[in-house]
Amino acid sequence: MASPAQASAPLWLKVLVIVMGLLIVAGFVVIAAEIARRMSTPNAGRPPAASTAFTERIALPSGARVVSMNAVGDRLVVHVETQGGPAAAYIVDPRNGALLGTVEFPPGAGR
């Protein structure tokens, strides 16, 4: 029959098992956090594919000029001013150049 000192595991082995268990738990937490982050921003961190080159023509009103372009989220907003007409914002998908919509700002239309 073994003595009680021989039957129990050495202290360093118990510490090693506890530390490795904590590392496994921490690894699962990091993996879960990364999956949640990628699910909330599906296109983040992915570079555009090399074959996504495109040419798209978006018709502007006669005499209109592009004032500025701003990236907002995963969209491109193009601010356009026309001669005597309303200013507008064109919302464009930068991945394929598709015009998603326009927002017009007629003069004198206040709230």
C-alpha atoms as a PDB file:
ATOM      1  CA  MET A   1       0.000   0.000   0.000  1.00  0.00           C
ATOM      2  CA  ALA A   2       1.273   3.450  -0.962  1.00  0.00           C
ATOM      3  CA  SER A   3       1.882   6.115   1.623  1.00  0.00           C
ATOM      4  CA  PRO A   4      -0.227   9.347   1.489  1.00  0.00           C
ATOM      5  CA  ALA A   5       2.769  11.358   0.252  1.00  0.00           C
ATOM      6  CA  GLN A   6       3.211   9.065  -2.769  1.00  0.00           C
ATOM      7  CA  ALA A   7      -0.520   8.932  -3.617  1.00  0.00           C
ATOM      8  CA  SER A   8      -1.031  12.700  -4.089  1.00  0.00           C
ATOM      9  CA  ALA A   9       0.328  14.582  -7.102  1.00  0.00           C
ATOM     10  CA  PRO A  10       3.264  16.919  -6.604  1.00  0.00           C
ATOM     11  CA  LEU A  11       2.452  20.618  -6.089  1.00  0.00           C
ATOM     12  CA  TRP A  12       4.151  21.693  -9.342  1.00  0.00           C
ATOM     13  CA  LEU A  13       1.878  19.333 -11.304  1.00  0.00           C
ATOM     14  CA  LYS A  14      -1.256  20.795  -9.700  1.00  0.00           C
ATOM     15  CA  VAL A  15      -0.078  24.338 -10.491  1.00  0.00           C
ATOM     16  CA  LEU A  16       0.717  23.338 -14.079  1.00  0.00           C
ATOM     17  CA  VAL A  17      -2.736  21.812 -14.590  1.00  0.00           C
ATOM     18  CA  ILE A  18      -4.467  24.925 -13.169  1.00  0.00           C
ATOM     19  CA  VAL A  19      -2.399  27.297 -15.356  1.00  0.00           C
ATOM     20  CA  MET A  20      -3.077  25.262 -18.505  1.00  0.00           C
ATOM     21  CA  GLY A  21      -6.791  25.197 -17.687  1.00  0.00           C
ATOM     22  CA  LEU A  22      -6.802  28.984 -17.334  1.00  0.00           C
ATOM     23  CA  LEU A  23      -4.978  29.322 -20.674  1.00  0.00           C
ATOM     24  CA  ILE A  24      -7.602  27.158 -22.372  1.00  0.00           C
ATOM     25  CA  VAL A  25     -10.426  29.275 -20.924  1.00  0.00           C
ATOM     26  CA  ALA A  26      -8.661  32.496 -21.986  1.00  0.00           C
ATOM     27  CA  GLY A  27      -8.187  31.085 -25.491  1.00  0.00           C
ATOM     28  CA  PHE A  28     -11.890  30.302 -25.811  1.00  0.00           C
ATOM     29  CA  VAL A  29     -12.762  33.829 -24.643  1.00  0.00           C
ATOM     30  CA  VAL A  30     -10.444  35.370 -27.260  1.00  0.00           C
ATOM     31  CA  ILE A  31     -11.863  33.152 -30.018  1.00  0.00           C
ATOM     32  CA  ALA A  32     -15.466  33.975 -29.030  1.00  0.00           C
ATOM     33  CA  ALA A  33     -14.693  37.710 -28.964  1.00  0.00           C
ATOM     34  CA  GLU A  34     -13.065  37.557 -32.416  1.00  0.00           C
ATOM     35  CA  ILE A  35     -16.016  35.639 -33.879  1.00  0.00           C
ATOM     36  CA  ALA A  36     -18.447  38.196 -32.415  1.00  0.00           C
ATOM     37  CA  ARG A  37     -16.365  41.076 -33.818  1.00  0.00           C
ATOM     38  CA  ARG A  38     -16.247  39.548 -37.283  1.00  0.00           C
ATOM     39  CA  MET A  39     -19.975  38.824 -37.254  1.00  0.00           C
ATOM     40  CA  SER A  40     -20.791  42.425 -36.348  1.00  0.00           C
ATOM     41  CA  THR A  41     -18.547  43.813 -39.133  1.00  0.00           C
ATOM     42  CA  PRO A  42     -18.550  41.179 -41.902  1.00  0.00           C
ATOM     43  CA  ASN A  43     -16.374  43.122 -44.386  1.00  0.00           C
ATOM     44  CA  ALA A  44     -13.834  44.487 -41.929  1.00  0.00           C
ATOM     45  CA  GLY A  45     -10.284  43.349 -42.416  1.00  0.00           C
ATOM     46  CA  ARG A  46     -10.926  41.799 -45.796  1.00  0.00           C
ATOM     47  CA  PRO A  47      -8.947  43.452 -48.566  1.00  0.00           C
ATOM     48  CA  PRO A  48     -10.808  43.935 -51.824  1.00  0.00           C
ATOM     49  CA  ALA A  49     -10.204  41.205 -54.345  1.00  0.00           C
ATOM     50  CA  ALA A  50      -7.839  42.031 -57.199  1.00  0.00           C
ATOM     51  CA  SER A  51     -10.536  41.331 -59.791  1.00  0.00           C
ATOM     52  CA  THR A  52     -13.031  43.898 -58.459  1.00  0.00           C
ATOM     53  CA  ALA A  53     -12.031  46.657 -60.881  1.00  0.00           C
ATOM     54  CA  PHE A  54     -15.067  48.283 -62.450  1.00  0.00           C
ATOM     55  CA  THR A  55     -16.152  51.271 -64.491  1.00  0.00           C
ATOM     56  CA  GLU A  56     -19.466  52.840 -63.638  1.00  0.00           C
ATOM     57  CA  ARG A  57     -20.998  56.011 -65.031  1.00  0.00           C
ATOM     58  CA  ILE A  58     -23.426  57.892 -62.822  1.00  0.00           C
ATOM     59  CA  ALA A  59     -25.391  60.542 -64.713  1.00  0.00           C
ATOM     60  CA  LEU A  60     -25.419  63.939 -63.046  1.00  0.00           C
ATOM     61  CA  PRO A  61     -27.816  66.758 -63.927  1.00  0.00           C
ATOM     62  CA  SER A  62     -26.578  69.207 -66.546  1.00  0.00           C
ATOM     63  CA  GLY A  63     -24.202  71.764 -65.006  1.00  0.00           C
ATOM     64  CA  ALA A  64     -23.741  69.748 -61.796  1.00  0.00           C
ATOM     65  CA  ARG A  65     -20.354  69.445 -60.135  1.00  0.00           C
ATOM     66  CA  VAL A  66     -18.960  67.084 -57.515  1.00  0.00           C
ATOM     67  CA  VAL A  67     -18.063  69.042 -54.373  1.00  0.00           C
ATOM     68  CA  SER A  68     -16.757  66.259 -52.150  1.00  0.00           C
ATOM     69  CA  MET A  69     -16.685  62.527 -51.534  1.00  0.00           C
ATOM     70  CA  ASN A  70     -16.750  60.917 -48.094  1.00  0.00           C
ATOM     71  CA  ALA A  71     -16.531  57.311 -47.007  1.00  0.00           C
ATOM     72  CA  VAL A  72     -19.295  56.520 -44.521  1.00  0.00           C
ATOM     73  CA  GLY A  73     -19.259  52.963 -43.230  1.00  0.00           C
ATOM     74  CA  ASP A  74     -19.152  50.752 -46.300  1.00  0.00           C
ATOM     75  CA  ARG A  75     -20.665  53.425 -48.565  1.00  0.00           C
ATOM     76  CA  LEU A  76     -19.334  56.398 -50.510  1.00  0.00           C
ATOM     77  CA  VAL A  77     -21.318  59.636 -50.260  1.00  0.00           C
ATOM     78  CA  VAL A  78     -20.769  62.071 -53.142  1.00  0.00           C
ATOM     79  CA  HIS A  79     -21.902  65.668 -52.505  1.00  0.00           C
ATOM     80  CA  VAL A  80     -23.122  67.253 -55.760  1.00  0.00           C
ATOM     81  CA  GLU A  81     -24.169  70.862 -56.377  1.00  0.00           C
ATOM     82  CA  THR A  82     -26.231  71.922 -59.387  1.00  0.00           C
ATOM     83  CA  GLN A  83     -26.640  75.337 -61.010  1.00  0.00           C
ATOM     84  CA  GLY A  84     -29.870  76.758 -59.641  1.00  0.00           C
ATOM     85  CA  GLY A  85     -31.148  73.360 -58.545  1.00  0.00           C
ATOM     86  CA  PRO A  86     -31.028  71.446 -55.292  1.00  0.00           C
ATOM     87  CA  ALA A  87     -27.814  70.090 -53.818  1.00  0.00           C
ATOM     88  CA  ALA A  88     -27.775  66.314 -53.545  1.00  0.00           C
ATOM     89  CA  ALA A  89     -25.900  63.453 -51.934  1.00  0.00           C
ATOM     90  CA  TYR A  90     -25.351  60.378 -54.093  1.00  0.00           C
ATOM     91  CA  ILE A  91     -24.859  57.171 -52.085  1.00  0.00           C
ATOM     92  CA  VAL A  92     -22.588  54.742 -53.957  1.00  0.00           C
ATOM     93  CA  ASP A  93     -21.444  51.210 -53.189  1.00  0.00           C
ATOM     94  CA  PRO A  94     -17.637  51.438 -53.604  1.00  0.00           C
ATOM     95  CA  ARG A  95     -17.294  47.689 -54.195  1.00  0.00           C
ATOM     96  CA  ASN A  96     -19.133  47.756 -57.519  1.00  0.00           C
ATOM     97  CA  GLY A  97     -19.904  51.426 -58.238  1.00  0.00           C
ATOM     98  CA  ALA A  98     -23.675  50.941 -58.018  1.00  0.00           C
ATOM     99  CA  LEU A  99     -25.752  54.003 -57.232  1.00  0.00           C
ATOM    100  CA  LEU A 100     -27.763  53.045 -54.149  1.00  0.00           C
ATOM    101  CA  GLY A 101     -29.781  56.239 -53.863  1.00  0.00           C
ATOM    102  CA  THR A 102     -29.820  60.010 -53.766  1.00  0.00           C
ATOM    103  CA  VAL A 103     -30.795  62.529 -51.137  1.00  0.00           C
ATOM    104  CA  GLU A 104     -31.783  65.987 -52.418  1.00  0.00           C
ATOM    105  CA  PHE A 105     -31.524  69.185 -50.416  1.00  0.00           C
ATOM    106  CA  PRO A 106     -33.863  71.728 -52.031  1.00  0.00           C
ATOM    107  CA  PRO A 107     -33.167  75.375 -51.160  1.00  0.00           C
ATOM    108  CA  GLY A 108     -35.476  76.891 -48.572  1.00  0.00           C
ATOM    109  CA  ALA A 109     -36.879  73.589 -47.368  1.00  0.00           C
ATOM    110  CA  GLY A 110     -36.318  73.970 -43.634  1.00  0.00           C
ATOM    111  CA  ARG A 111     -37.917  72.118 -40.780  1.00  0.00           C
END
